[in-house]
N, C-alpha and C. Protein backbone atom coordinates (compact mmCIF):
# COMPACT_ATOMS: atom_id res chain seq x y z
N MET A 1 -13.68 28.35 104.32
CA MET A 1 -12.73 29.39 104.86
C MET A 1 -11.20 28.80 104.07
N ILE A 2 -10.35 30.01 104.40
CA ILE A 2 -9.42 29.79 103.90
C ILE A 2 -8.18 30.63 105.27
N SER A 3 -7.40 29.44 105.43
CA SER A 3 -6.39 29.78 106.54
C SER A 3 -4.54 29.91 105.88
N ILE A 4 -3.98 30.76 106.49
CA ILE A 4 -2.88 30.61 105.70
C ILE A 4 -1.84 31.02 106.90
N GLN A 5 -0.91 30.48 106.85
CA GLN A 5 0.10 30.17 107.38
C GLN A 5 1.67 31.22 107.14
N ILE A 6 1.95 31.87 108.14
CA ILE A 6 2.76 32.72 107.40
C ILE A 6 4.23 32.39 108.42
N ASN A 7 4.95 32.06 108.04
CA ASN A 7 6.21 32.04 109.00
C ASN A 7 7.30 33.26 108.82
N GLU A 8 6.48 33.79 110.34
CA GLU A 8 7.27 35.48 110.77
C GLU A 8 8.29 35.85 111.06
N ALA A 9 8.93 34.83 111.51
CA ALA A 9 10.59 34.92 110.87
C ALA A 9 11.34 35.20 109.50
N GLU A 10 10.58 34.22 108.86
CA GLU A 10 11.26 34.20 107.00
C GLU A 10 10.64 35.78 107.00
N VAL A 11 9.67 36.00 106.64
CA VAL A 11 9.46 37.25 106.36
C VAL A 11 9.71 38.58 106.95
N LYS A 12 10.00 39.03 108.34
CA LYS A 12 10.88 39.89 108.98
C LYS A 12 12.72 39.33 108.04
N LYS A 13 12.94 38.59 108.18
CA LYS A 13 14.68 37.95 107.28
C LYS A 13 14.26 38.96 106.35
N LEU A 14 13.32 38.52 105.26
CA LEU A 14 12.68 39.22 103.80
C LEU A 14 12.52 40.90 103.85
N CYS A 15 11.83 41.20 104.96
CA CYS A 15 11.87 42.91 105.32
C CYS A 15 13.51 43.37 105.31
N ARG A 16 13.77 42.76 105.97
CA ARG A 16 15.54 43.74 106.44
C ARG A 16 16.40 43.77 105.52
N GLN A 17 16.05 42.29 104.85
CA GLN A 17 17.10 42.25 103.17
C GLN A 17 16.96 43.52 102.28
N GLN A 18 15.30 43.39 101.90
CA GLN A 18 14.59 44.76 101.56
C GLN A 18 15.05 45.92 101.69
N ILE A 19 14.88 46.30 103.04
CA ILE A 19 15.45 47.92 103.46
C ILE A 19 16.42 47.50 103.70
N ILE A 20 17.53 47.03 103.70
CA ILE A 20 19.00 47.32 103.63
C ILE A 20 19.50 47.55 102.11
N ALA A 21 18.45 46.95 101.28
CA ALA A 21 19.10 46.91 99.76
C ALA A 21 18.46 48.64 99.53
N LEU A 22 17.37 49.12 99.87
CA LEU A 22 16.83 50.24 99.77
C LEU A 22 17.75 51.25 100.06
N VAL A 23 18.27 51.01 101.33
CA VAL A 23 18.77 51.74 102.13
C VAL A 23 20.52 52.01 101.61
N ARG A 24 20.60 51.40 100.76
CA ARG A 24 22.33 51.04 100.09
C ARG A 24 21.62 51.82 98.39
N GLU A 25 20.74 51.68 98.18
CA GLU A 25 20.22 52.40 96.59
C GLU A 25 20.46 53.66 96.86
N VAL A 26 19.91 54.56 98.16
CA VAL A 26 19.76 55.57 98.58
C VAL A 26 21.24 56.08 98.64
N ASP A 27 21.64 56.00 99.44
CA ASP A 27 22.56 56.37 99.60
C ASP A 27 24.14 55.82 98.43
N ALA A 28 23.84 55.58 97.89
CA ALA A 28 24.44 55.28 96.23
C ALA A 28 24.11 56.57 95.93
N GLU A 29 23.13 57.06 95.09
CA GLU A 29 23.01 58.35 94.92
C GLU A 29 23.26 59.31 94.95
N TYR A 30 24.32 59.51 96.09
CA TYR A 30 24.84 60.92 96.49
C TYR A 30 26.45 60.47 96.33
N VAL A 31 26.88 61.46 96.18
CA VAL A 31 28.49 61.69 95.37
C VAL A 31 29.28 62.52 96.76
N PHE A 32 28.34 63.17 97.12
CA PHE A 32 29.08 64.14 98.07
C PHE A 32 27.62 64.94 99.45
N TRP A 33 28.34 65.65 99.96
CA TRP A 33 26.66 66.25 101.00
C TRP A 33 27.43 67.39 100.96
N ASP A 34 26.51 68.08 101.33
CA ASP A 34 26.42 69.50 101.59
C ASP A 34 26.11 69.76 103.09
N SER A 35 26.64 71.01 103.53
CA SER A 35 26.13 71.42 105.15
C SER A 35 25.24 71.14 105.62
N ASN A 36 24.18 71.10 105.60
CA ASN A 36 22.48 70.50 104.96
C ASN A 36 22.98 69.09 105.36
N GLU A 37 22.95 68.30 104.64
CA GLU A 37 23.22 66.92 105.10
C GLU A 37 24.00 66.20 105.54
N LEU A 38 25.50 67.09 105.40
CA LEU A 38 25.91 66.59 107.08
C LEU A 38 25.80 66.92 108.43
N LYS A 39 24.72 68.07 108.60
CA LYS A 39 23.89 68.33 109.91
C LYS A 39 23.26 67.21 110.35
N LYS A 40 22.54 66.99 109.13
CA LYS A 40 21.79 65.73 108.91
C LYS A 40 22.26 64.26 109.43
N ARG A 41 22.86 64.15 109.18
CA ARG A 41 23.41 62.99 108.74
C ARG A 41 24.23 62.71 110.22
N THR A 42 24.78 63.26 110.63
CA THR A 42 25.67 63.58 112.57
C THR A 42 25.09 63.99 113.50
N CYS A 43 23.48 64.96 112.77
CA CYS A 43 22.68 65.01 113.87
C CYS A 43 23.39 65.85 114.87
N MET A 44 24.38 66.75 114.60
CA MET A 44 25.12 67.60 115.26
C MET A 44 25.10 69.24 114.27
N SER A 45 24.60 70.39 114.90
CA SER A 45 24.63 71.91 114.77
C SER A 45 26.70 72.16 113.92
N TRP A 46 25.60 72.72 113.00
CA TRP A 46 26.69 73.45 112.36
C TRP A 46 28.46 73.77 113.31
N ASN A 47 27.82 74.88 114.73
CA ASN A 47 28.71 74.83 115.31
C ASN A 47 29.50 73.44 116.27
N THR A 48 28.54 72.91 116.11
CA THR A 48 29.43 71.52 116.98
C THR A 48 29.73 70.82 116.29
N ILE A 49 29.58 70.96 114.71
CA ILE A 49 30.51 70.49 113.62
C ILE A 49 32.01 70.91 113.53
N GLN A 50 31.82 72.95 114.00
CA GLN A 50 32.85 73.18 113.59
C GLN A 50 34.11 72.67 114.74
N ASN A 51 33.23 72.78 116.39
CA ASN A 51 34.50 72.92 117.46
C ASN A 51 34.61 71.88 116.90
N THR A 52 34.20 70.28 116.50
CA THR A 52 34.41 69.22 117.20
C THR A 52 35.50 68.80 116.00
N PHE A 53 35.54 68.71 114.71
CA PHE A 53 36.00 67.92 113.39
C PHE A 53 36.56 68.60 112.28
N PHE A 54 35.61 69.61 112.32
CA PHE A 54 35.56 70.44 110.90
C PHE A 54 36.67 70.52 110.74
N TYR A 55 37.88 71.11 111.49
CA TYR A 55 39.21 71.78 111.07
C TYR A 55 40.50 70.36 111.07
N ASP A 56 39.56 69.17 111.79
CA ASP A 56 40.22 68.06 111.71
C ASP A 56 41.12 68.12 110.14
N PRO A 57 42.90 68.04 110.41
CA PRO A 57 42.57 67.76 108.89
C PRO A 57 42.61 66.80 107.89
N ARG A 58 42.34 65.79 108.44
CA ARG A 58 41.97 64.54 108.16
C ARG A 58 40.85 64.76 107.40
N PHE A 59 39.91 65.93 108.20
CA PHE A 59 38.44 65.58 107.36
C PHE A 59 38.51 66.43 105.78
N ILE A 60 38.12 65.74 105.27
CA ILE A 60 38.17 66.18 103.83
C ILE A 60 37.09 66.81 102.99
N LYS A 61 37.22 67.81 102.71
CA LYS A 61 36.03 69.10 102.33
C LYS A 61 36.56 70.30 101.23
N ARG A 62 35.52 70.29 100.16
CA ARG A 62 35.74 71.72 99.59
C ARG A 62 34.96 72.72 99.55
N LYS A 63 35.40 73.51 99.42
CA LYS A 63 34.47 75.38 99.16
C LYS A 63 34.11 75.71 97.55
N VAL A 64 33.16 74.96 97.62
CA VAL A 64 32.68 75.54 96.24
C VAL A 64 31.53 76.59 96.14
N GLY A 65 32.46 78.49 95.60
CA GLY A 65 31.67 79.09 95.71
C GLY A 65 31.52 79.64 96.92
N SER A 66 30.29 79.21 97.58
CA SER A 66 29.76 80.06 99.25
C SER A 66 29.23 78.80 99.90
N LYS A 67 29.41 77.34 98.91
CA LYS A 67 28.98 76.47 99.97
C LYS A 67 30.29 75.47 100.01
N TRP A 68 29.67 75.16 101.16
CA TRP A 68 31.00 73.75 101.67
C TRP A 68 30.62 71.94 100.75
N TYR A 69 31.45 71.08 100.24
CA TYR A 69 30.89 69.99 100.31
C TYR A 69 31.91 68.46 100.64
N PHE A 70 31.41 67.78 100.87
CA PHE A 70 31.87 66.56 101.41
C PHE A 70 31.51 64.96 100.51
N PRO A 71 32.92 64.82 100.12
CA PRO A 71 32.60 63.33 99.63
C PRO A 71 31.69 62.49 100.48
N VAL A 72 31.21 62.00 100.09
CA VAL A 72 30.61 61.06 100.95
C VAL A 72 31.63 59.72 101.65
N LYS A 73 31.32 59.00 100.36
CA LYS A 73 32.68 58.12 100.83
C LYS A 73 33.89 58.22 102.11
N GLU A 74 34.63 59.31 102.40
CA GLU A 74 35.75 59.93 102.16
C GLU A 74 34.86 59.95 104.35
N THR A 75 33.93 60.86 103.79
CA THR A 75 33.19 61.96 104.76
C THR A 75 33.16 60.81 106.06
N ARG A 76 32.04 59.43 105.52
CA ARG A 76 31.79 58.21 106.32
C ARG A 76 32.88 57.71 106.88
N GLU A 77 33.60 57.28 106.10
CA GLU A 77 34.98 56.80 106.78
C GLU A 77 35.58 57.34 107.63
N PHE A 78 35.95 58.74 107.89
CA PHE A 78 36.16 59.47 108.95
C PHE A 78 35.75 59.53 109.99
N LEU A 79 34.46 60.01 109.57
CA LEU A 79 33.43 60.31 111.10
C LEU A 79 33.45 58.74 112.02
N SER A 80 33.70 58.07 111.13
CA SER A 80 33.50 56.59 112.16
C SER A 80 34.75 55.97 112.79
N VAL A 81 36.34 56.89 112.32
CA VAL A 81 37.23 56.75 112.81
C VAL A 81 36.99 57.51 114.04
N TRP A 82 36.86 59.20 112.99
CA TRP A 82 36.52 60.27 114.72
C TRP A 82 35.48 59.85 115.71
N LEU A 83 34.37 59.39 115.23
CA LEU A 83 34.13 58.32 116.93
C LEU A 83 34.61 57.60 117.71
N LEU A 84 35.00 57.06 116.96
CA LEU A 84 36.40 55.58 117.76
C LEU A 84 37.26 56.21 119.00
N GLU A 85 37.47 57.55 118.73
CA GLU A 85 38.72 58.26 119.32
C GLU A 85 38.40 59.25 120.37
N GLN A 86 36.99 58.83 120.45
CA GLN A 86 35.92 59.92 121.19
C GLN A 86 36.42 59.19 122.01
């Protein structure tokens, strides 16, 4: 019979590191979000977004045709600051 011992703490550490790396990779794929992605990332409805921070002059956004686009890096930074202010 073969017996294998696994250091559970080390396995969890390796899994966390891999998950963090994959999340960073996925986030790096986006240059900007559209309104659907913004709603998904904030867990807010479009009306709530408009009623809370959409018209804040610090919130960077661009309308191209009929769609709104939001630069990922700046949007993340703004949302972090905005949430702390609430």
